[in-house]
């Protein structure tokens, strides 16, 4: 499906590339047994819960954009439960990618570039472009986190 805006297309492609890169790094972290720091945050209770979190967020960014822009509900199922992320995560990423393309291809530059502010689900005021950029950066931040934990685990094994 062709995009009305090259900017929107770029943000969707970048986000999904980052999600897939994060998934690959997460699988490595899981394979080598990376331990997460202790926290009360439910998204960090296990390595599997950690990956479910950005999958769920990726879905949430799209549903929020559709909601605030008065677009149809994307009707995307919830992401796999933590214990199913390894076997179903890649397929869920495919679902997300198709949904982002389907539901955002219509958007013209004037909508992306609008200065209209909407309240995010966590209370932060966001423009449409800011939410798109947040959607790109979120998996990058988790990838960075996991890469540091992988490096730390490697230093412990070498010591």
C-alpha atoms as a PDB file:
ATOM      1  CA  UNK A   1       0.000   0.000   0.000  1.00  0.00           C
ATOM      2  CA  UNK A   2       1.573   3.337  -0.999  1.00  0.00           C
ATOM      3  CA  UNK A   3       2.006   5.976   1.681  1.00  0.00           C
ATOM      4  CA  UNK A   4       0.739   9.534   1.216  1.00  0.00           C
ATOM      5  CA  UNK A   5       3.759  10.827   3.146  1.00  0.00           C
ATOM      6  CA  UNK A   6       7.358   9.742   2.815  1.00  0.00           C
ATOM      7  CA  UNK A   7       7.868  10.961   6.396  1.00  0.00           C
ATOM      8  CA  UNK A   8       5.149   8.670   7.738  1.00  0.00           C
ATOM      9  CA  UNK A   9       6.499   5.785   5.672  1.00  0.00           C
ATOM     10  CA  UNK A  10      10.013   6.397   7.014  1.00  0.00           C
ATOM     11  CA  UNK A  11       8.809   6.414  10.621  1.00  0.00           C
ATOM     12  CA  UNK A  12       6.791   3.212  10.178  1.00  0.00           C
ATOM     13  CA  UNK A  13       9.695   1.436   8.457  1.00  0.00           C
ATOM     14  CA  UNK A  14      12.197   2.674  11.063  1.00  0.00           C
ATOM     15  CA  UNK A  15       9.976   1.575  13.924  1.00  0.00           C
ATOM     16  CA  UNK A  16       9.464  -1.904  12.556  1.00  0.00           C
ATOM     17  CA  UNK A  17      13.179  -2.246  11.758  1.00  0.00           C
ATOM     18  CA  UNK A  18      13.942  -1.301  15.363  1.00  0.00           C
ATOM     19  CA  UNK A  19      11.337  -3.738  16.677  1.00  0.00           C
ATOM     20  CA  UNK A  20      12.867  -6.576  14.644  1.00  0.00           C
ATOM     21  CA  UNK A  21      16.387  -5.643  15.730  1.00  0.00           C
ATOM     22  CA  UNK A  22      15.240  -5.564  19.352  1.00  0.00           C
ATOM     23  CA  UNK A  23      13.635  -8.988  18.931  1.00  0.00           C
ATOM     24  CA  UNK A  24      16.927 -10.426  17.613  1.00  0.00           C
ATOM     25  CA  UNK A  25      18.911  -8.895  20.509  1.00  0.00           C
ATOM     26  CA  UNK A  26      16.272 -10.101  22.973  1.00  0.00           C
ATOM     27  CA  UNK A  27      16.564 -13.675  21.633  1.00  0.00           C
ATOM     28  CA  UNK A  28      20.337 -13.504  22.154  1.00  0.00           C
ATOM     29  CA  UNK A  29      19.860 -12.175  25.696  1.00  0.00           C
ATOM     30  CA  UNK A  30      17.384 -14.962  26.431  1.00  0.00           C
ATOM     31  CA  UNK A  31      19.677 -17.615  24.936  1.00  0.00           C
ATOM     32  CA  UNK A  32      22.654 -16.597  27.082  1.00  0.00           C
ATOM     33  CA  UNK A  33      20.545 -16.208  30.231  1.00  0.00           C
ATOM     34  CA  UNK A  34      20.755 -12.446  30.811  1.00  0.00           C
ATOM     35  CA  UNK A  35      19.406 -11.491  34.226  1.00  0.00           C
ATOM     36  CA  UNK A  36      17.371  -8.314  34.541  1.00  0.00           C
ATOM     37  CA  UNK A  37      17.848  -5.884  37.425  1.00  0.00           C
ATOM     38  CA  UNK A  38      15.381  -6.420  40.271  1.00  0.00           C
ATOM     39  CA  UNK A  39      12.425  -4.033  40.094  1.00  0.00           C
ATOM     40  CA  UNK A  40       8.731  -3.878  40.905  1.00  0.00           C
ATOM     41  CA  UNK A  41       7.923  -2.896  37.302  1.00  0.00           C
ATOM     42  CA  UNK A  42       5.821  -5.728  35.833  1.00  0.00           C
ATOM     43  CA  UNK A  43       7.464  -5.238  32.418  1.00  0.00           C
ATOM     44  CA  UNK A  44      10.791  -6.321  33.949  1.00  0.00           C
ATOM     45  CA  UNK A  45       9.724  -9.373  35.931  1.00  0.00           C
ATOM     46  CA  UNK A  46      11.275 -11.695  33.364  1.00  0.00           C
ATOM     47  CA  UNK A  47      13.189 -11.534  30.099  1.00  0.00           C
ATOM     48  CA  UNK A  48       9.999 -12.700  28.367  1.00  0.00           C
ATOM     49  CA  UNK A  49       7.879  -9.986  29.994  1.00  0.00           C
ATOM     50  CA  UNK A  50      10.495  -7.461  28.897  1.00  0.00           C
ATOM     51  CA  UNK A  51       9.965  -8.347  25.212  1.00  0.00           C
ATOM     52  CA  UNK A  52       6.193  -8.457  25.541  1.00  0.00           C
ATOM     53  CA  UNK A  53       6.290  -4.862  26.778  1.00  0.00           C
ATOM     54  CA  UNK A  54       7.509  -3.255  23.492  1.00  0.00           C
ATOM     55  CA  UNK A  55       5.256  -5.585  21.479  1.00  0.00           C
ATOM     56  CA  UNK A  56       2.312  -4.324  23.505  1.00  0.00           C
ATOM     57  CA  UNK A  57       3.539  -0.738  23.243  1.00  0.00           C
ATOM     58  CA  UNK A  58       3.914  -0.969  19.463  1.00  0.00           C
ATOM     59  CA  UNK A  59       0.271  -2.028  19.294  1.00  0.00           C
ATOM     60  CA  UNK A  60      -0.703   0.718  21.735  1.00  0.00           C
ATOM     61  CA  UNK A  61       0.974   3.513  19.776  1.00  0.00           C
ATOM     62  CA  UNK A  62      -0.959   2.520  16.670  1.00  0.00           C
ATOM     63  CA  UNK A  63      -4.299   2.235  18.465  1.00  0.00           C
ATOM     64  CA  UNK A  64      -3.698   5.614  20.150  1.00  0.00           C
ATOM     65  CA  UNK A  65      -2.900   7.275  16.815  1.00  0.00           C
ATOM     66  CA  UNK A  66      -6.054   5.858  15.265  1.00  0.00           C
ATOM     67  CA  UNK A  67      -8.092   6.947  18.282  1.00  0.00           C
ATOM     68  CA  UNK A  68      -6.889  10.565  18.409  1.00  0.00           C
ATOM     69  CA  UNK A  69      -7.099  10.920  14.627  1.00  0.00           C
ATOM     70  CA  UNK A  70     -10.647   9.547  14.476  1.00  0.00           C
ATOM     71  CA  UNK A  71      -9.603   6.542  12.396  1.00  0.00           C
ATOM     72  CA  UNK A  72     -11.065   3.032  12.597  1.00  0.00           C
ATOM     73  CA  UNK A  73      -9.887   0.793  15.444  1.00  0.00           C
ATOM     74  CA  UNK A  74      -7.054  -1.426  14.109  1.00  0.00           C
ATOM     75  CA  UNK A  75      -8.439  -4.483  15.955  1.00  0.00           C
ATOM     76  CA  UNK A  76      -5.058  -6.057  16.634  1.00  0.00           C
ATOM     77  CA  UNK A  77      -5.010  -8.889  19.140  1.00  0.00           C
ATOM     78  CA  UNK A  78      -2.966  -8.469  22.294  1.00  0.00           C
ATOM     79  CA  UNK A  79       0.646  -9.623  21.990  1.00  0.00           C
ATOM     80  CA  UNK A  80       1.588 -13.139  23.015  1.00  0.00           C
ATOM     81  CA  UNK A  81       1.819 -13.777  26.732  1.00  0.00           C
ATOM     82  CA  UNK A  82       5.406 -13.688  28.057  1.00  0.00           C
ATOM     83  CA  UNK A  83       5.794 -17.475  27.952  1.00  0.00           C
ATOM     84  CA  UNK A  84       4.755 -17.465  24.251  1.00  0.00           C
ATOM     85  CA  UNK A  85       6.852 -14.551  22.990  1.00  0.00           C
ATOM     86  CA  UNK A  86       9.720 -16.738  21.787  1.00  0.00           C
ATOM     87  CA  UNK A  87       7.536 -18.955  19.602  1.00  0.00           C
ATOM     88  CA  UNK A  88       4.979 -16.304  18.497  1.00  0.00           C
ATOM     89  CA  UNK A  89       6.814 -12.983  18.669  1.00  0.00           C
ATOM     90  CA  UNK A  90       8.109 -12.928  15.085  1.00  0.00           C
ATOM     91  CA  UNK A  91       4.636 -13.681  13.700  1.00  0.00           C
ATOM     92  CA  UNK A  92       3.179 -10.947  15.919  1.00  0.00           C
ATOM     93  CA  UNK A  93       5.730  -8.490  14.521  1.00  0.00           C
ATOM     94  CA  UNK A  94       4.424  -9.367  11.045  1.00  0.00           C
ATOM     95  CA  UNK A  95       0.872  -8.590  12.223  1.00  0.00           C
ATOM     96  CA  UNK A  96       2.011  -5.273  13.672  1.00  0.00           C
ATOM     97  CA  UNK A  97       3.883  -4.304  10.525  1.00  0.00           C
ATOM     98  CA  UNK A  98       0.895  -5.010   8.283  1.00  0.00           C
ATOM     99  CA  UNK A  99      -1.371  -3.058  10.641  1.00  0.00           C
ATOM    100  CA  UNK A 100       0.922  -0.028  10.766  1.00  0.00           C
ATOM    101  CA  UNK A 101       1.084   0.042   6.974  1.00  0.00           C
ATOM    102  CA  UNK A 102      -2.657  -0.442   6.579  1.00  0.00           C
ATOM    103  CA  UNK A 103      -3.692   2.159   9.144  1.00  0.00           C
ATOM    104  CA  UNK A 104      -1.057   4.856   8.587  1.00  0.00           C
ATOM    105  CA  UNK A 105      -0.575   4.885   4.792  1.00  0.00           C
ATOM    106  CA  UNK A 106      -3.432   7.391   4.389  1.00  0.00           C
ATOM    107  CA  UNK A 107      -1.741  10.071   6.514  1.00  0.00           C
ATOM    108  CA  UNK A 108      -0.625  13.231   4.700  1.00  0.00           C
ATOM    109  CA  UNK A 109       2.318  15.380   5.774  1.00  0.00           C
ATOM    110  CA  UNK A 110      -0.014  18.049   7.190  1.00  0.00           C
ATOM    111  CA  UNK A 111      -1.362  15.541   9.741  1.00  0.00           C
ATOM    112  CA  UNK A 112       2.098  14.289  10.672  1.00  0.00           C
ATOM    113  CA  UNK A 113       3.402  17.857  10.976  1.00  0.00           C
ATOM    114  CA  UNK A 114       0.422  19.258  12.896  1.00  0.00           C
ATOM    115  CA  UNK A 115       1.145  21.093  16.124  1.00  0.00           C
ATOM    116  CA  UNK A 116      -2.069  19.789  17.673  1.00  0.00           C
ATOM    117  CA  UNK A 117      -1.273  18.199  21.024  1.00  0.00           C
ATOM    118  CA  UNK A 118      -3.032  15.114  22.340  1.00  0.00           C
ATOM    119  CA  UNK A 119      -2.706  13.520  25.764  1.00  0.00           C
ATOM    120  CA  UNK A 120      -0.882  10.181  25.644  1.00  0.00           C
ATOM    121  CA  UNK A 121      -2.205   7.254  27.616  1.00  0.00           C
ATOM    122  CA  UNK A 122       0.502   7.877  30.212  1.00  0.00           C
ATOM    123  CA  UNK A 123      -0.459  11.554  30.492  1.00  0.00           C
ATOM    124  CA  UNK A 124       2.285  13.157  28.386  1.00  0.00           C
ATOM    125  CA  UNK A 125       1.210  15.777  25.836  1.00  0.00           C
ATOM    126  CA  UNK A 126       2.215  14.520  22.378  1.00  0.00           C
ATOM    127  CA  UNK A 127       1.916  15.651  18.799  1.00  0.00           C
ATOM    128  CA  UNK A 128       1.364  12.981  16.158  1.00  0.00           C
ATOM    129  CA  UNK A 129       4.992  13.229  15.044  1.00  0.00           C
ATOM    130  CA  UNK A 130       6.224  13.005  18.643  1.00  0.00           C
ATOM    131  CA  UNK A 131       4.254   9.782  19.157  1.00  0.00           C
ATOM    132  CA  UNK A 132       5.687   8.326  15.957  1.00  0.00           C
ATOM    133  CA  UNK A 133       9.196   9.245  17.081  1.00  0.00           C
ATOM    134  CA  UNK A 134       8.529   7.779  20.522  1.00  0.00           C
ATOM    135  CA  UNK A 135       7.420   4.562  18.801  1.00  0.00           C
ATOM    136  CA  UNK A 136      10.770   4.462  16.962  1.00  0.00           C
ATOM    137  CA  UNK A 137      12.877   5.247  20.039  1.00  0.00           C
ATOM    138  CA  UNK A 138      11.166   2.882  22.484  1.00  0.00           C
ATOM    139  CA  UNK A 139      12.563  -0.355  21.004  1.00  0.00           C
ATOM    140  CA  UNK A 140      15.942   1.350  20.569  1.00  0.00           C
ATOM    141  CA  UNK A 141      16.084   2.055  24.292  1.00  0.00           C
ATOM    142  CA  UNK A 142      15.266  -1.536  25.208  1.00  0.00           C
ATOM    143  CA  UNK A 143      17.806  -2.825  22.679  1.00  0.00           C
ATOM    144  CA  UNK A 144      20.457  -0.567  24.233  1.00  0.00           C
ATOM    145  CA  UNK A 145      19.521  -1.877  27.677  1.00  0.00           C
ATOM    146  CA  UNK A 146      19.765  -5.509  26.577  1.00  0.00           C
ATOM    147  CA  UNK A 147      23.036  -4.956  24.727  1.00  0.00           C
ATOM    148  CA  UNK A 148      24.554  -3.548  27.917  1.00  0.00           C
ATOM    149  CA  UNK A 149      23.269  -6.510  29.925  1.00  0.00           C
ATOM    150  CA  UNK A 150      24.651  -8.923  27.297  1.00  0.00           C
ATOM    151  CA  UNK A 151      28.039  -7.203  27.516  1.00  0.00           C
ATOM    152  CA  UNK A 152      27.945  -7.369  31.316  1.00  0.00           C
ATOM    153  CA  UNK A 153      27.090 -11.088  31.184  1.00  0.00           C
ATOM    154  CA  UNK A 154      30.002 -11.635  28.790  1.00  0.00           C
ATOM    155  CA  UNK A 155      32.433  -9.890  31.155  1.00  0.00           C
ATOM    156  CA  UNK A 156      31.258 -12.113  34.017  1.00  0.00           C
ATOM    157  CA  UNK A 157      31.808 -15.250  31.924  1.00  0.00           C
ATOM    158  CA  UNK A 158      35.311 -14.095  30.930  1.00  0.00           C
ATOM    159  CA  UNK A 159      36.266 -13.249  34.511  1.00  0.00           C
END
